Amino acid sequence: MKEINYELLRKRREKILKLRAQANEQQHIGLGYVMTVDGKQYPVMACFPVGNETEEATDKLKYLLNGQKS
């Protein structure tokens, strides 16, 4: 069984996030799900930016999970 070096993965992730920040590249969350309308199923993809400046990601995630109840 292959061993996973979590410390190396953490350092690699930090490096990638640092490079993205320097390039002004935003990170996004993408959610895919199936919506059924009148017995037909349609694939839906929701994508929105993640950031500390706003609560946009949290609000959209709550909306997607709870529907219009949020």
PDB file of N, CA and C in Angstrom:
ATOM      1  N   MET A   1       0.836  -1.179   0.000  1.00  0.00           N
ATOM      2  CA  MET A   1       0.000   0.000   0.000  1.00  0.00           C
ATOM      3  C   MET A   1       0.882   1.245   0.000  1.00  0.00           C
ATOM      4  N   LYS A   2       0.496   2.215  -0.797  1.00  0.00           N
ATOM      5  CA  LYS A   2       1.274   3.445  -0.931  1.00  0.00           C
ATOM      6  C   LYS A   2       1.020   4.367   0.258  1.00  0.00           C
ATOM      7  N   GLU A   3       2.111   4.878   0.831  1.00  0.00           N
ATOM      8  CA  GLU A   3       1.990   5.806   1.955  1.00  0.00           C
ATOM      9  C   GLU A   3       1.850   7.233   1.429  1.00  0.00           C
ATOM     10  N   ILE A   4       1.013   8.019   2.090  1.00  0.00           N
ATOM     11  CA  ILE A   4       0.779   9.405   1.703  1.00  0.00           C
ATOM     12  C   ILE A   4       1.508  10.320   2.681  1.00  0.00           C
ATOM     13  N   ASN A   5       2.328  11.189   2.138  1.00  0.00           N
ATOM     14  CA  ASN A   5       3.052  12.149   2.961  1.00  0.00           C
ATOM     15  C   ASN A   5       2.205  13.426   3.046  1.00  0.00           C
ATOM     16  N   TYR A   6       1.448  13.542   4.127  1.00  0.00           N
ATOM     17  CA  TYR A   6       0.526  14.668   4.281  1.00  0.00           C
ATOM     18  C   TYR A   6       1.253  15.999   4.471  1.00  0.00           C
ATOM     19  N   GLU A   7       2.409  15.962   5.068  1.00  0.00           N
ATOM     20  CA  GLU A   7       3.181  17.185   5.251  1.00  0.00           C
ATOM     21  C   GLU A   7       3.621  17.740   3.899  1.00  0.00           C
ATOM     22  N   LEU A   8       4.057  16.863   3.009  1.00  0.00           N
ATOM     23  CA  LEU A   8       4.453  17.290   1.663  1.00  0.00           C
ATOM     24  C   LEU A   8       3.250  17.832   0.896  1.00  0.00           C
ATOM     25  N   LEU A   9       2.104  17.190   1.031  1.00  0.00           N
ATOM     26  CA  LEU A   9       0.886  17.672   0.371  1.00  0.00           C
ATOM     27  C   LEU A   9       0.480  19.050   0.887  1.00  0.00           C
ATOM     28  N   ARG A  10       0.588  19.256   2.207  1.00  0.00           N
ATOM     29  CA  ARG A  10       0.247  20.559   2.792  1.00  0.00           C
ATOM     30  C   ARG A  10       1.173  21.650   2.254  1.00  0.00           C
ATOM     31  N   LYS A  11       2.476  21.352   2.199  1.00  0.00           N
ATOM     32  CA  LYS A  11       3.435  22.332   1.681  1.00  0.00           C
ATOM     33  C   LYS A  11       3.176  22.636   0.206  1.00  0.00           C
ATOM     34  N   ARG A  12       2.835  21.608  -0.573  1.00  0.00           N
ATOM     35  CA  ARG A  12       2.538  21.809  -1.990  1.00  0.00           C
ATOM     36  C   ARG A  12       1.293  22.672  -2.169  1.00  0.00           C
ATOM     37  N   ARG A  13       0.275  22.424  -1.336  1.00  0.00           N
ATOM     38  CA  ARG A  13      -0.957  23.219  -1.414  1.00  0.00           C
ATOM     39  C   ARG A  13      -0.680  24.680  -1.058  1.00  0.00           C
ATOM     40  N   GLU A  14       0.105  24.902  -0.009  1.00  0.00           N
ATOM     41  CA  GLU A  14       0.461  26.271   0.378  1.00  0.00           C
ATOM     42  C   GLU A  14       1.213  26.976  -0.746  1.00  0.00           C
ATOM     43  N   LYS A  15       2.115  26.255  -1.404  1.00  0.00           N
ATOM     44  CA  LYS A  15       2.878  26.843  -2.507  1.00  0.00           C
ATOM     45  C   LYS A  15       1.954  27.220  -3.663  1.00  0.00           C
ATOM     46  N   ILE A  16       1.021  26.333  -3.993  1.00  0.00           N
ATOM     47  CA  ILE A  16       0.086  26.609  -5.091  1.00  0.00           C
ATOM     48  C   ILE A  16      -0.793  27.800  -4.760  1.00  0.00           C
ATOM     49  N   LEU A  17      -1.305  27.872  -3.524  1.00  0.00           N
ATOM     50  CA  LEU A  17      -2.138  29.002  -3.125  1.00  0.00           C
ATOM     51  C   LEU A  17      -1.359  30.312  -3.161  1.00  0.00           C
ATOM     52  N   LYS A  18      -0.097  30.256  -2.779  1.00  0.00           N
ATOM     53  CA  LYS A  18       0.750  31.446  -2.815  1.00  0.00           C
ATOM     54  C   LYS A  18       0.958  31.913  -4.259  1.00  0.00           C
ATOM     55  N   LEU A  19       1.213  30.962  -5.168  1.00  0.00           N
ATOM     56  CA  LEU A  19       1.384  31.307  -6.583  1.00  0.00           C
ATOM     57  C   LEU A  19       0.100  31.876  -7.172  1.00  0.00           C
ATOM     58  N   ARG A  20      -1.044  31.313  -6.808  1.00  0.00           N
ATOM     59  CA  ARG A  20      -2.328  31.823  -7.293  1.00  0.00           C
ATOM     60  C   ARG A  20      -2.581  33.234  -6.788  1.00  0.00           C
ATOM     61  N   ALA A  21      -2.220  33.494  -5.542  1.00  0.00           N
ATOM     62  CA  ALA A  21      -2.416  34.829  -4.979  1.00  0.00           C
ATOM     63  C   ALA A  21      -1.554  35.851  -5.719  1.00  0.00           C
ATOM     64  N   GLN A  22      -0.348  35.469  -6.068  1.00  0.00           N
ATOM     65  CA  GLN A  22       0.540  36.373  -6.804  1.00  0.00           C
ATOM     66  C   GLN A  22       0.018  36.647  -8.209  1.00  0.00           C
ATOM     67  N   ALA A  23      -0.653  35.660  -8.790  1.00  0.00           N
ATOM     68  CA  ALA A  23      -1.173  35.804 -10.154  1.00  0.00           C
ATOM     69  C   ALA A  23      -2.598  36.353 -10.152  1.00  0.00           C
ATOM     70  N   ASN A  24      -3.123  36.698  -8.976  1.00  0.00           N
ATOM     71  CA  ASN A  24      -4.500  37.178  -8.817  1.00  0.00           C
ATOM     72  C   ASN A  24      -5.528  36.183  -9.360  1.00  0.00           C
ATOM     73  N   GLU A  25      -5.232  34.919  -9.224  1.00  0.00           N
ATOM     74  CA  GLU A  25      -6.142  33.866  -9.676  1.00  0.00           C
ATOM     75  C   GLU A  25      -7.010  33.449  -8.501  1.00  0.00           C
ATOM     76  N   GLN A  26      -8.329  33.493  -8.683  1.00  0.00           N
ATOM     77  CA  GLN A  26      -9.240  33.153  -7.606  1.00  0.00           C
ATOM     78  C   GLN A  26      -9.491  31.648  -7.573  1.00  0.00           C
ATOM     79  N   GLN A  27      -9.740  31.163  -6.376  1.00  0.00           N
ATOM     80  CA  GLN A  27     -10.139  29.773  -6.219  1.00  0.00           C
ATOM     81  C   GLN A  27     -11.666  29.719  -6.241  1.00  0.00           C
ATOM     82  N   HIS A  28     -12.222  28.673  -6.836  1.00  0.00           N
ATOM     83  CA  HIS A  28     -13.663  28.532  -6.957  1.00  0.00           C
ATOM     84  C   HIS A  28     -14.117  27.192  -6.382  1.00  0.00           C
ATOM     85  N   ILE A  29     -15.344  27.179  -5.928  1.00  0.00           N
ATOM     86  CA  ILE A  29     -15.986  25.941  -5.514  1.00  0.00           C
ATOM     87  C   ILE A  29     -16.964  25.568  -6.612  1.00  0.00           C
ATOM     88  N   GLY A  30     -16.937  24.321  -7.017  1.00  0.00           N
ATOM     89  CA  GLY A  30     -17.880  23.847  -8.026  1.00  0.00           C
ATOM     90  C   GLY A  30     -18.705  22.705  -7.452  1.00  0.00           C
ATOM     91  N   LEU A  31     -19.991  22.762  -7.660  1.00  0.00           N
ATOM     92  CA  LEU A  31     -20.896  21.708  -7.218  1.00  0.00           C
ATOM     93  C   LEU A  31     -21.688  21.206  -8.405  1.00  0.00           C
ATOM     94  N   GLY A  32     -21.763  19.910  -8.531  1.00  0.00           N
ATOM     95  CA  GLY A  32     -22.570  19.326  -9.590  1.00  0.00           C
ATOM     96  C   GLY A  32     -23.670  18.484  -8.973  1.00  0.00           C
ATOM     97  N   TYR A  33     -24.850  18.592  -9.510  1.00  0.00           N
ATOM     98  CA  TYR A  33     -25.963  17.805  -9.002  1.00  0.00           C
ATOM     99  C   TYR A  33     -26.989  17.623 -10.112  1.00  0.00           C
ATOM    100  N   VAL A  34     -27.941  16.747  -9.873  1.00  0.00           N
ATOM    101  CA  VAL A  34     -28.984  16.456 -10.852  1.00  0.00           C
ATOM    102  C   VAL A  34     -30.298  17.038 -10.346  1.00  0.00           C
ATOM    103  N   MET A  35     -30.988  17.766 -11.223  1.00  0.00           N
ATOM    104  CA  MET A  35     -32.280  18.337 -10.876  1.00  0.00           C
ATOM    105  C   MET A  35     -33.350  17.637 -11.717  1.00  0.00           C
ATOM    106  N   THR A  36     -34.421  17.207 -11.069  1.00  0.00           N
ATOM    107  CA  THR A  36     -35.513  16.543 -11.766  1.00  0.00           C
ATOM    108  C   THR A  36     -36.672  17.519 -11.939  1.00  0.00           C
ATOM    109  N   VAL A  37     -37.070  17.735 -13.188  1.00  0.00           N
ATOM    110  CA  VAL A  37     -38.183  18.622 -13.513  1.00  0.00           C
ATOM    111  C   VAL A  37     -39.122  17.852 -14.434  1.00  0.00           C
ATOM    112  N   ASP A  38     -40.352  17.705 -13.999  1.00  0.00           N
ATOM    113  CA  ASP A  38     -41.367  16.986 -14.775  1.00  0.00           C
ATOM    114  C   ASP A  38     -40.902  15.602 -15.200  1.00  0.00           C
ATOM    115  N   GLY A  39     -40.220  14.908 -14.289  1.00  0.00           N
ATOM    116  CA  GLY A  39     -39.772  13.550 -14.560  1.00  0.00           C
ATOM    117  C   GLY A  39     -38.499  13.448 -15.385  1.00  0.00           C
ATOM    118  N   LYS A  40     -37.975  14.555 -15.862  1.00  0.00           N
ATOM    119  CA  LYS A  40     -36.725  14.555 -16.630  1.00  0.00           C
ATOM    120  C   LYS A  40     -35.593  15.039 -15.740  1.00  0.00           C
ATOM    121  N   GLN A  41     -34.436  14.419 -15.899  1.00  0.00           N
ATOM    122  CA  GLN A  41     -33.281  14.796 -15.087  1.00  0.00           C
ATOM    123  C   GLN A  41     -32.341  15.678 -15.900  1.00  0.00           C
ATOM    124  N   TYR A  42     -31.892  16.768 -15.258  1.00  0.00           N
ATOM    125  CA  TYR A  42     -30.990  17.715 -15.892  1.00  0.00           C
ATOM    126  C   TYR A  42     -29.755  17.894 -15.011  1.00  0.00           C
ATOM    127  N   PRO A  43     -28.557  17.801 -15.617  1.00  0.00           N
ATOM    128  CA  PRO A  43     -27.347  18.065 -14.829  1.00  0.00           C
ATOM    129  C   PRO A  43     -27.191  19.566 -14.588  1.00  0.00           C
ATOM    130  N   VAL A  44     -26.788  19.931 -13.392  1.00  0.00           N
ATOM    131  CA  VAL A  44     -26.611  21.338 -13.037  1.00  0.00           C
ATOM    132  C   VAL A  44     -25.216  21.502 -12.435  1.00  0.00           C
ATOM    133  N   MET A  45     -24.519  22.552 -12.845  1.00  0.00           N
ATOM    134  CA  MET A  45     -23.204  22.847 -12.289  1.00  0.00           C
ATOM    135  C   MET A  45     -23.243  24.245 -11.708  1.00  0.00           C
ATOM    136  N   ALA A  46     -22.904  24.380 -10.447  1.00  0.00           N
ATOM    137  CA  ALA A  46     -22.836  25.679  -9.788  1.00  0.00           C
ATOM    138  C   ALA A  46     -21.378  25.958  -9.442  1.00  0.00           C
ATOM    139  N   CYS A  47     -20.902  27.136  -9.772  1.00  0.00           N
ATOM    140  CA  CYS A  47     -19.517  27.500  -9.512  1.00  0.00           C
ATOM    141  C   CYS A  47     -19.474  28.931  -8.990  1.00  0.00           C
ATOM    142  N   PHE A  48     -18.735  29.154  -7.905  1.00  0.00           N
ATOM    143  CA  PHE A  48     -18.645  30.497  -7.353  1.00  0.00           C
ATOM    144  C   PHE A  48     -17.306  30.684  -6.653  1.00  0.00           C
ATOM    145  N   PRO A  49     -16.823  31.921  -6.584  1.00  0.00           N
ATOM    146  CA  PRO A  49     -15.508  32.194  -6.006  1.00  0.00           C
ATOM    147  C   PRO A  49     -15.489  32.015  -4.491  1.00  0.00           C
ATOM    148  N   VAL A  50     -14.301  31.698  -4.003  1.00  0.00           N
ATOM    149  CA  VAL A  50     -14.089  31.542  -2.568  1.00  0.00           C
ATOM    150  C   VAL A  50     -13.141  32.647  -2.130  1.00  0.00           C
ATOM    151  N   GLY A  51     -13.473  33.306  -1.053  1.00  0.00           N
ATOM    152  CA  GLY A  51     -12.603  34.351  -0.559  1.00  0.00           C
ATOM    153  C   GLY A  51     -12.964  34.734   0.854  1.00  0.00           C
ATOM    154  N   ASN A  52     -12.039  35.389   1.518  1.00  0.00           N
ATOM    155  CA  ASN A  52     -12.265  35.826   2.893  1.00  0.00           C
ATOM    156  C   ASN A  52     -12.959  37.176   2.959  1.00  0.00           C
ATOM    157  N   GLU A  53     -13.021  37.881   1.828  1.00  0.00           N
ATOM    158  CA  GLU A  53     -13.551  39.235   1.841  1.00  0.00           C
ATOM    159  C   GLU A  53     -15.068  39.275   2.010  1.00  0.00           C
ATOM    160  N   THR A  54     -15.766  38.294   1.456  1.00  0.00           N
ATOM    161  CA  THR A  54     -17.229  38.308   1.494  1.00  0.00           C
ATOM    162  C   THR A  54     -17.759  36.971   1.986  1.00  0.00           C
ATOM    163  N   GLU A  55     -19.022  36.940   2.263  1.00  0.00           N
ATOM    164  CA  GLU A  55     -19.690  35.702   2.658  1.00  0.00           C
ATOM    165  C   GLU A  55     -20.388  35.062   1.467  1.00  0.00           C
ATOM    166  N   GLU A  56     -20.020  35.479   0.268  1.00  0.00           N
ATOM    167  CA  GLU A  56     -20.688  35.004  -0.946  1.00  0.00           C
ATOM    168  C   GLU A  56     -20.669  33.477  -1.054  1.00  0.00           C
ATOM    169  N   ALA A  57     -19.516  32.857  -0.820  1.00  0.00           N
ATOM    170  CA  ALA A  57     -19.421  31.404  -0.944  1.00  0.00           C
ATOM    171  C   ALA A  57     -20.301  30.712   0.084  1.00  0.00           C
ATOM    172  N   THR A  58     -20.286  31.174   1.310  1.00  0.00           N
ATOM    173  CA  THR A  58     -21.102  30.571   2.359  1.00  0.00           C
ATOM    174  C   THR A  58     -22.580  30.702   2.035  1.00  0.00           C
ATOM    175  N   ASP A  59     -23.006  31.886   1.602  1.00  0.00           N
ATOM    176  CA  ASP A  59     -24.413  32.112   1.265  1.00  0.00           C
ATOM    177  C   ASP A  59     -24.860  31.223   0.115  1.00  0.00           C
ATOM    178  N   LYS A  60     -24.044  31.131  -0.938  1.00  0.00           N
ATOM    179  CA  LYS A  60     -24.421  30.314  -2.084  1.00  0.00           C
ATOM    180  C   LYS A  60     -24.431  28.831  -1.725  1.00  0.00           C
ATOM    181  N   LEU A  61     -23.475  28.401  -0.913  1.00  0.00           N
ATOM    182  CA  LEU A  61     -23.448  27.003  -0.502  1.00  0.00           C
ATOM    183  C   LEU A  61     -24.696  26.664   0.307  1.00  0.00           C
ATOM    184  N   LYS A  62     -25.085  27.548   1.225  1.00  0.00           N
ATOM    185  CA  LYS A  62     -26.311  27.329   2.008  1.00  0.00           C
ATOM    186  C   LYS A  62     -27.528  27.276   1.091  1.00  0.00           C
ATOM    187  N   TYR A  63     -27.563  28.166   0.103  1.00  0.00           N
ATOM    188  CA  TYR A  63     -28.697  28.178  -0.831  1.00  0.00           C
ATOM    189  C   TYR A  63     -28.770  26.873  -1.620  1.00  0.00           C
ATOM    190  N   LEU A  64     -27.604  26.423  -2.106  1.00  0.00           N
ATOM    191  CA  LEU A  64     -27.584  25.196  -2.899  1.00  0.00           C
ATOM    192  C   LEU A  64     -27.964  23.973  -2.060  1.00  0.00           C
ATOM    193  N   LEU A  65     -27.581  23.973  -0.793  1.00  0.00           N
ATOM    194  CA  LEU A  65     -27.894  22.824   0.067  1.00  0.00           C
ATOM    195  C   LEU A  65     -29.332  22.837   0.554  1.00  0.00           C
ATOM    196  N   ASN A  66     -29.848  24.038   0.851  1.00  0.00           N
ATOM    197  CA  ASN A  66     -31.173  24.137   1.449  1.00  0.00           C
ATOM    198  C   ASN A  66     -32.247  24.610   0.485  1.00  0.00           C
ATOM    199  N   GLY A  67     -31.885  24.981  -0.705  1.00  0.00           N
ATOM    200  CA  GLY A  67     -32.857  25.520  -1.647  1.00  0.00           C
ATOM    201  C   GLY A  67     -33.252  26.925  -1.225  1.00  0.00           C
ATOM    202  N   GLN A  68     -34.477  27.283  -1.413  1.00  0.00           N
ATOM    203  CA  GLN A  68     -34.915  28.635  -1.100  1.00  0.00           C
ATOM    204  C   GLN A  68     -35.189  28.837   0.384  1.00  0.00           C
ATOM    205  N   LYS A  69     -34.911  27.848   1.219  1.00  0.00           N
ATOM    206  CA  LYS A  69     -35.136  27.964   2.654  1.00  0.00           C
ATOM    207  C   LYS A  69     -34.085  28.830   3.337  1.00  0.00           C
ATOM    208  N   SER A  70     -32.922  29.063   2.681  1.00  0.00           N
ATOM    209  CA  SER A  70     -31.853  29.805   3.356  1.00  0.00           C
ATOM    210  C   SER A  70     -32.126  31.281   3.435  1.00  0.00           C
TER     211      SER A  70
END
